Amino acid sequence: MIKNKMKEYRAKFNMRQEELAEKVGVRRETIGNLERGRYNPSLVLAWKIAKAFNASIEDIFTVEESYIDP
């Protein structure tokens, strides 16, 4: 599973879901679903989200070890 810090970064930047969605070219619902871990972003979307926060992808998204190991 991929965990993310999108909500924390939005709070840090005082940004609403709607604003982030507009910046990265998706619907607000997509941002909400990503924040709740309902699905994982594509690499391109993860890159756009990280860029919106002037951060690296690794700063925003982390992979749980149990997800990697069989």
PDB file of N, CA and C in Angstrom:
ATOM      1  N   MET A   1       0.837  -1.179   0.000  1.00  0.00           N
ATOM      2  CA  MET A   1       0.000   0.000   0.000  1.00  0.00           C
ATOM      3  C   MET A   1       0.879   1.238   0.000  1.00  0.00           C
ATOM      4  N   ILE A   2       0.450   2.217  -0.721  1.00  0.00           N
ATOM      5  CA  ILE A   2       1.155   3.493  -0.748  1.00  0.00           C
ATOM      6  C   ILE A   2       0.449   4.455   0.201  1.00  0.00           C
ATOM      7  N   LYS A   3       1.208   4.995   1.136  1.00  0.00           N
ATOM      8  CA  LYS A   3       0.668   6.014   2.038  1.00  0.00           C
ATOM      9  C   LYS A   3       1.098   7.378   1.515  1.00  0.00           C
ATOM     10  N   ASN A   4       0.321   8.401   1.875  1.00  0.00           N
ATOM     11  CA  ASN A   4       0.696   9.734   1.413  1.00  0.00           C
ATOM     12  C   ASN A   4       0.493  10.766   2.513  1.00  0.00           C
ATOM     13  N   LYS A   5       1.145  11.887   2.314  1.00  0.00           N
ATOM     14  CA  LYS A   5       1.061  13.020   3.236  1.00  0.00           C
ATOM     15  C   LYS A   5       0.387  14.204   2.552  1.00  0.00           C
ATOM     16  N   MET A   6      -0.493  13.921   1.617  1.00  0.00           N
ATOM     17  CA  MET A   6      -1.132  14.994   0.865  1.00  0.00           C
ATOM     18  C   MET A   6      -1.908  15.949   1.768  1.00  0.00           C
ATOM     19  N   LYS A   7      -2.663  15.399   2.701  1.00  0.00           N
ATOM     20  CA  LYS A   7      -3.471  16.240   3.585  1.00  0.00           C
ATOM     21  C   LYS A   7      -2.583  17.157   4.423  1.00  0.00           C
ATOM     22  N   GLU A   8      -1.476  16.613   4.934  1.00  0.00           N
ATOM     23  CA  GLU A   8      -0.557  17.421   5.726  1.00  0.00           C
ATOM     24  C   GLU A   8       0.071  18.534   4.891  1.00  0.00           C
ATOM     25  N   TYR A   9       0.451  18.206   3.664  1.00  0.00           N
ATOM     26  CA  TYR A   9       1.041  19.222   2.795  1.00  0.00           C
ATOM     27  C   TYR A   9       0.006  20.272   2.392  1.00  0.00           C
ATOM     28  N   ARG A  10      -1.228  19.846   2.156  1.00  0.00           N
ATOM     29  CA  ARG A  10      -2.264  20.840   1.839  1.00  0.00           C
ATOM     30  C   ARG A  10      -2.447  21.807   2.994  1.00  0.00           C
ATOM     31  N   ALA A  11      -2.444  21.271   4.227  1.00  0.00           N
ATOM     32  CA  ALA A  11      -2.587  22.131   5.408  1.00  0.00           C
ATOM     33  C   ALA A  11      -1.403  23.089   5.517  1.00  0.00           C
ATOM     34  N   LYS A  12      -0.213  22.567   5.270  1.00  0.00           N
ATOM     35  CA  LYS A  12       0.999  23.390   5.334  1.00  0.00           C
ATOM     36  C   LYS A  12       0.943  24.542   4.335  1.00  0.00           C
ATOM     37  N   PHE A  13       0.372  24.271   3.158  1.00  0.00           N
ATOM     38  CA  PHE A  13       0.284  25.280   2.110  1.00  0.00           C
ATOM     39  C   PHE A  13      -1.066  26.011   2.115  1.00  0.00           C
ATOM     40  N   ASN A  14      -1.895  25.695   3.132  1.00  0.00           N
ATOM     41  CA  ASN A  14      -3.220  26.306   3.241  1.00  0.00           C
ATOM     42  C   ASN A  14      -3.990  26.163   1.924  1.00  0.00           C
ATOM     43  N   MET A  15      -4.048  24.940   1.425  1.00  0.00           N
ATOM     44  CA  MET A  15      -4.627  24.657   0.115  1.00  0.00           C
ATOM     45  C   MET A  15      -5.818  23.714   0.270  1.00  0.00           C
ATOM     46  N   ARG A  16      -6.907  24.039  -0.382  1.00  0.00           N
ATOM     47  CA  ARG A  16      -8.081  23.165  -0.385  1.00  0.00           C
ATOM     48  C   ARG A  16      -7.910  22.066  -1.429  1.00  0.00           C
ATOM     49  N   GLN A  17      -8.693  20.996  -1.279  1.00  0.00           N
ATOM     50  CA  GLN A  17      -8.646  19.915  -2.254  1.00  0.00           C
ATOM     51  C   GLN A  17      -8.933  20.436  -3.659  1.00  0.00           C
ATOM     52  N   GLU A  18      -9.880  21.355  -3.769  1.00  0.00           N
ATOM     53  CA  GLU A  18     -10.242  21.910  -5.070  1.00  0.00           C
ATOM     54  C   GLU A  18      -9.058  22.611  -5.729  1.00  0.00           C
ATOM     55  N   GLU A  19      -8.291  23.341  -4.930  1.00  0.00           N
ATOM     56  CA  GLU A  19      -7.141  24.066  -5.465  1.00  0.00           C
ATOM     57  C   GLU A  19      -6.059  23.105  -5.959  1.00  0.00           C
ATOM     58  N   LEU A  20      -5.784  22.081  -5.165  1.00  0.00           N
ATOM     59  CA  LEU A  20      -4.784  21.105  -5.583  1.00  0.00           C
ATOM     60  C   LEU A  20      -5.245  20.382  -6.844  1.00  0.00           C
ATOM     61  N   ALA A  21      -6.511  19.999  -6.863  1.00  0.00           N
ATOM     62  CA  ALA A  21      -7.056  19.307  -8.030  1.00  0.00           C
ATOM     63  C   ALA A  21      -6.888  20.147  -9.295  1.00  0.00           C
ATOM     64  N   GLU A  22      -7.174  21.424  -9.192  1.00  0.00           N
ATOM     65  CA  GLU A  22      -7.030  22.312 -10.352  1.00  0.00           C
ATOM     66  C   GLU A  22      -5.573  22.409 -10.795  1.00  0.00           C
ATOM     67  N   LYS A  23      -4.659  22.492  -9.832  1.00  0.00           N
ATOM     68  CA  LYS A  23      -3.230  22.595 -10.161  1.00  0.00           C
ATOM     69  C   LYS A  23      -2.709  21.375 -10.898  1.00  0.00           C
ATOM     70  N   VAL A  24      -3.223  20.188 -10.524  1.00  0.00           N
ATOM     71  CA  VAL A  24      -2.682  18.962 -11.103  1.00  0.00           C
ATOM     72  C   VAL A  24      -3.573  18.373 -12.192  1.00  0.00           C
ATOM     73  N   GLY A  25      -4.710  19.005 -12.459  1.00  0.00           N
ATOM     74  CA  GLY A  25      -5.545  18.599 -13.580  1.00  0.00           C
ATOM     75  C   GLY A  25      -6.444  17.402 -13.345  1.00  0.00           C
ATOM     76  N   VAL A  26      -6.951  17.263 -12.099  1.00  0.00           N
ATOM     77  CA  VAL A  26      -7.897  16.187 -11.798  1.00  0.00           C
ATOM     78  C   VAL A  26      -9.103  16.785 -11.075  1.00  0.00           C
ATOM     79  N   ARG A  27     -10.094  15.936 -10.793  1.00  0.00           N
ATOM     80  CA  ARG A  27     -11.264  16.395 -10.052  1.00  0.00           C
ATOM     81  C   ARG A  27     -10.974  16.374  -8.555  1.00  0.00           C
ATOM     82  N   ARG A  28     -11.715  17.172  -7.810  1.00  0.00           N
ATOM     83  CA  ARG A  28     -11.550  17.214  -6.356  1.00  0.00           C
ATOM     84  C   ARG A  28     -11.752  15.836  -5.741  1.00  0.00           C
ATOM     85  N   GLU A  29     -12.688  15.074  -6.276  1.00  0.00           N
ATOM     86  CA  GLU A  29     -12.957  13.740  -5.753  1.00  0.00           C
ATOM     87  C   GLU A  29     -11.723  12.838  -5.851  1.00  0.00           C
ATOM     88  N   THR A  30     -10.948  13.027  -6.907  1.00  0.00           N
ATOM     89  CA  THR A  30      -9.722  12.246  -7.076  1.00  0.00           C
ATOM     90  C   THR A  30      -8.754  12.536  -5.945  1.00  0.00           C
ATOM     91  N   ILE A  31      -8.604  13.799  -5.597  1.00  0.00           N
ATOM     92  CA  ILE A  31      -7.708  14.173  -4.493  1.00  0.00           C
ATOM     93  C   ILE A  31      -8.201  13.559  -3.192  1.00  0.00           C
ATOM     94  N   GLY A  32      -9.491  13.640  -2.937  1.00  0.00           N
ATOM     95  CA  GLY A  32     -10.055  13.043  -1.726  1.00  0.00           C
ATOM     96  C   GLY A  32      -9.828  11.546  -1.668  1.00  0.00           C
ATOM     97  N   ASN A  33     -10.045  10.863  -2.778  1.00  0.00           N
ATOM     98  CA  ASN A  33      -9.833   9.418  -2.825  1.00  0.00           C
ATOM     99  C   ASN A  33      -8.371   9.043  -2.624  1.00  0.00           C
ATOM    100  N   LEU A  34      -7.476   9.827  -3.194  1.00  0.00           N
ATOM    101  CA  LEU A  34      -6.046   9.583  -2.987  1.00  0.00           C
ATOM    102  C   LEU A  34      -5.679   9.765  -1.519  1.00  0.00           C
ATOM    103  N   GLU A  35      -6.170  10.843  -0.915  1.00  0.00           N
ATOM    104  CA  GLU A  35      -5.863  11.118   0.490  1.00  0.00           C
ATOM    105  C   GLU A  35      -6.369  10.008   1.399  1.00  0.00           C
ATOM    106  N   ARG A  36      -7.498   9.425   1.075  1.00  0.00           N
ATOM    107  CA  ARG A  36      -8.067   8.349   1.881  1.00  0.00           C
ATOM    108  C   ARG A  36      -7.474   6.985   1.540  1.00  0.00           C
ATOM    109  N   GLY A  37      -6.565   6.940   0.585  1.00  0.00           N
ATOM    110  CA  GLY A  37      -5.910   5.693   0.230  1.00  0.00           C
ATOM    111  C   GLY A  37      -6.787   4.738  -0.558  1.00  0.00           C
ATOM    112  N   ARG A  38      -7.786   5.263  -1.211  1.00  0.00           N
ATOM    113  CA  ARG A  38      -8.688   4.401  -1.989  1.00  0.00           C
ATOM    114  C   ARG A  38      -8.033   3.880  -3.253  1.00  0.00           C
ATOM    115  N   TYR A  39      -7.079   4.625  -3.784  1.00  0.00           N
ATOM    116  CA  TYR A  39      -6.292   4.121  -4.904  1.00  0.00           C
ATOM    117  C   TYR A  39      -4.968   4.849  -4.968  1.00  0.00           C
ATOM    118  N   ASN A  40      -4.044   4.289  -5.728  1.00  0.00           N
ATOM    119  CA  ASN A  40      -2.708   4.850  -5.861  1.00  0.00           C
ATOM    120  C   ASN A  40      -2.632   5.719  -7.107  1.00  0.00           C
ATOM    121  N   PRO A  41      -1.873   6.805  -7.032  1.00  0.00           N
ATOM    122  CA  PRO A  41      -1.753   7.679  -8.191  1.00  0.00           C
ATOM    123  C   PRO A  41      -0.832   7.077  -9.250  1.00  0.00           C
ATOM    124  N   SER A  42      -1.020   7.514 -10.469  1.00  0.00           N
ATOM    125  CA  SER A  42      -0.049   7.178 -11.511  1.00  0.00           C
ATOM    126  C   SER A  42       1.249   7.914 -11.182  1.00  0.00           C
ATOM    127  N   LEU A  43       2.317   7.505 -11.795  1.00  0.00           N
ATOM    128  CA  LEU A  43       3.598   8.177 -11.566  1.00  0.00           C
ATOM    129  C   LEU A  43       3.518   9.637 -11.988  1.00  0.00           C
ATOM    130  N   VAL A  44       2.857   9.899 -13.094  1.00  0.00           N
ATOM    131  CA  VAL A  44       2.734  11.282 -13.583  1.00  0.00           C
ATOM    132  C   VAL A  44       1.948  12.125 -12.589  1.00  0.00           C
ATOM    133  N   LEU A  45       0.833  11.599 -12.075  1.00  0.00           N
ATOM    134  CA  LEU A  45       0.041  12.356 -11.108  1.00  0.00           C
ATOM    135  C   LEU A  45       0.819  12.564  -9.810  1.00  0.00           C
ATOM    136  N   ALA A  46       1.516  11.551  -9.341  1.00  0.00           N
ATOM    137  CA  ALA A  46       2.332  11.694  -8.129  1.00  0.00           C
ATOM    138  C   ALA A  46       3.378  12.790  -8.332  1.00  0.00           C
ATOM    139  N   TRP A  47       3.989  12.824  -9.515  1.00  0.00           N
ATOM    140  CA  TRP A  47       4.987  13.854  -9.817  1.00  0.00           C
ATOM    141  C   TRP A  47       4.342  15.244  -9.807  1.00  0.00           C
ATOM    142  N   LYS A  48       3.162  15.377 -10.396  1.00  0.00           N
ATOM    143  CA  LYS A  48       2.471  16.673 -10.426  1.00  0.00           C
ATOM    144  C   LYS A  48       2.105  17.139  -9.023  1.00  0.00           C
ATOM    145  N   ILE A  49       1.642  16.210  -8.190  1.00  0.00           N
ATOM    146  CA  ILE A  49       1.281  16.563  -6.815  1.00  0.00           C
ATOM    147  C   ILE A  49       2.520  17.017  -6.049  1.00  0.00           C
ATOM    148  N   ALA A  50       3.602  16.275  -6.159  1.00  0.00           N
ATOM    149  CA  ALA A  50       4.842  16.662  -5.480  1.00  0.00           C
ATOM    150  C   ALA A  50       5.319  18.024  -5.961  1.00  0.00           C
ATOM    151  N   LYS A  51       5.238  18.255  -7.262  1.00  0.00           N
ATOM    152  CA  LYS A  51       5.664  19.542  -7.825  1.00  0.00           C
ATOM    153  C   LYS A  51       4.801  20.691  -7.288  1.00  0.00           C
ATOM    154  N   ALA A  52       3.502  20.442  -7.113  1.00  0.00           N
ATOM    155  CA  ALA A  52       2.606  21.475  -6.586  1.00  0.00           C
ATOM    156  C   ALA A  52       3.017  21.910  -5.186  1.00  0.00           C
ATOM    157  N   PHE A  53       3.641  20.993  -4.438  1.00  0.00           N
ATOM    158  CA  PHE A  53       4.101  21.298  -3.087  1.00  0.00           C
ATOM    159  C   PHE A  53       5.593  21.595  -3.027  1.00  0.00           C
ATOM    160  N   ASN A  54       6.245  21.679  -4.186  1.00  0.00           N
ATOM    161  CA  ASN A  54       7.683  21.928  -4.253  1.00  0.00           C
ATOM    162  C   ASN A  54       8.432  20.900  -3.406  1.00  0.00           C
ATOM    163  N   ALA A  55       8.032  19.641  -3.573  1.00  0.00           N
ATOM    164  CA  ALA A  55       8.613  18.537  -2.805  1.00  0.00           C
ATOM    165  C   ALA A  55       8.961  17.403  -3.752  1.00  0.00           C
ATOM    166  N   SER A  56       9.624  16.394  -3.224  1.00  0.00           N
ATOM    167  CA  SER A  56       9.908  15.214  -4.028  1.00  0.00           C
ATOM    168  C   SER A  56       8.744  14.233  -3.889  1.00  0.00           C
ATOM    169  N   ILE A  57       8.641  13.310  -4.810  1.00  0.00           N
ATOM    170  CA  ILE A  57       7.602  12.285  -4.731  1.00  0.00           C
ATOM    171  C   ILE A  57       7.758  11.526  -3.412  1.00  0.00           C
ATOM    172  N   GLU A  58       8.986  11.230  -3.022  1.00  0.00           N
ATOM    173  CA  GLU A  58       9.243  10.476  -1.796  1.00  0.00           C
ATOM    174  C   GLU A  58       8.823  11.231  -0.542  1.00  0.00           C
ATOM    175  N   ASP A  59       8.813  12.564  -0.610  1.00  0.00           N
ATOM    176  CA  ASP A  59       8.347  13.358   0.532  1.00  0.00           C
ATOM    177  C   ASP A  59       6.845  13.178   0.740  1.00  0.00           C
ATOM    178  N   ILE A  60       6.119  13.009  -0.331  1.00  0.00           N
ATOM    179  CA  ILE A  60       4.652  12.925  -0.274  1.00  0.00           C
ATOM    180  C   ILE A  60       4.175  11.485  -0.166  1.00  0.00           C
ATOM    181  N   PHE A  61       4.787  10.586  -0.919  1.00  0.00           N
ATOM    182  CA  PHE A  61       4.319   9.199  -1.011  1.00  0.00           C
ATOM    183  C   PHE A  61       5.369   8.230  -0.490  1.00  0.00           C
ATOM    184  N   THR A  62       4.915   7.263   0.315  1.00  0.00           N
ATOM    185  CA  THR A  62       5.795   6.202   0.799  1.00  0.00           C
ATOM    186  C   THR A  62       5.097   4.858   0.605  1.00  0.00           C
ATOM    187  N   VAL A  63       5.897   3.833   0.362  1.00  0.00           N
ATOM    188  CA  VAL A  63       5.369   2.492   0.178  1.00  0.00           C
ATOM    189  C   VAL A  63       5.615   1.705   1.457  1.00  0.00           C
ATOM    190  N   GLU A  64       4.569   1.077   1.970  1.00  0.00           N
ATOM    191  CA  GLU A  64       4.718   0.240   3.153  1.00  0.00           C
ATOM    192  C   GLU A  64       5.552  -0.974   2.802  1.00  0.00           C
ATOM    193  N   GLU A  65       6.474  -1.349   3.654  1.00  0.00           N
ATOM    194  CA  GLU A  65       7.343  -2.483   3.415  1.00  0.00           C
ATOM    195  C   GLU A  65       6.561  -3.774   3.193  1.00  0.00           C
ATOM    196  N   SER A  66       5.465  -3.961   3.915  1.00  0.00           N
ATOM    197  CA  SER A  66       4.681  -5.190   3.782  1.00  0.00           C
ATOM    198  C   SER A  66       4.084  -5.315   2.380  1.00  0.00           C
ATOM    199  N   TYR A  67       3.934  -4.199   1.713  1.00  0.00           N
ATOM    200  CA  TYR A  67       3.397  -4.195   0.351  1.00  0.00           C
ATOM    201  C   TYR A  67       4.464  -4.685  -0.645  1.00  0.00           C
ATOM    202  N   ILE A  68       5.721  -4.438  -0.331  1.00  0.00           N
ATOM    203  CA  ILE A  68       6.826  -4.794  -1.212  1.00  0.00           C
ATOM    204  C   ILE A  68       7.227  -6.254  -1.014  1.00  0.00           C
ATOM    205  N   ASP A  69       7.360  -6.665   0.240  1.00  0.00           N
ATOM    206  CA  ASP A  69       7.826  -8.014   0.540  1.00  0.00           C
ATOM    207  C   ASP A  69       6.716  -9.042   0.355  1.00  0.00           C
ATOM    208  N   PRO A  70       7.040 -10.185  -0.273  1.00  0.00           N
ATOM    209  CA  PRO A  70       6.017 -11.234  -0.447  1.00  0.00           C
ATOM    210  C   PRO A  70       5.697 -11.949   0.850  1.00  0.00           C
TER     211      PRO A  70
END
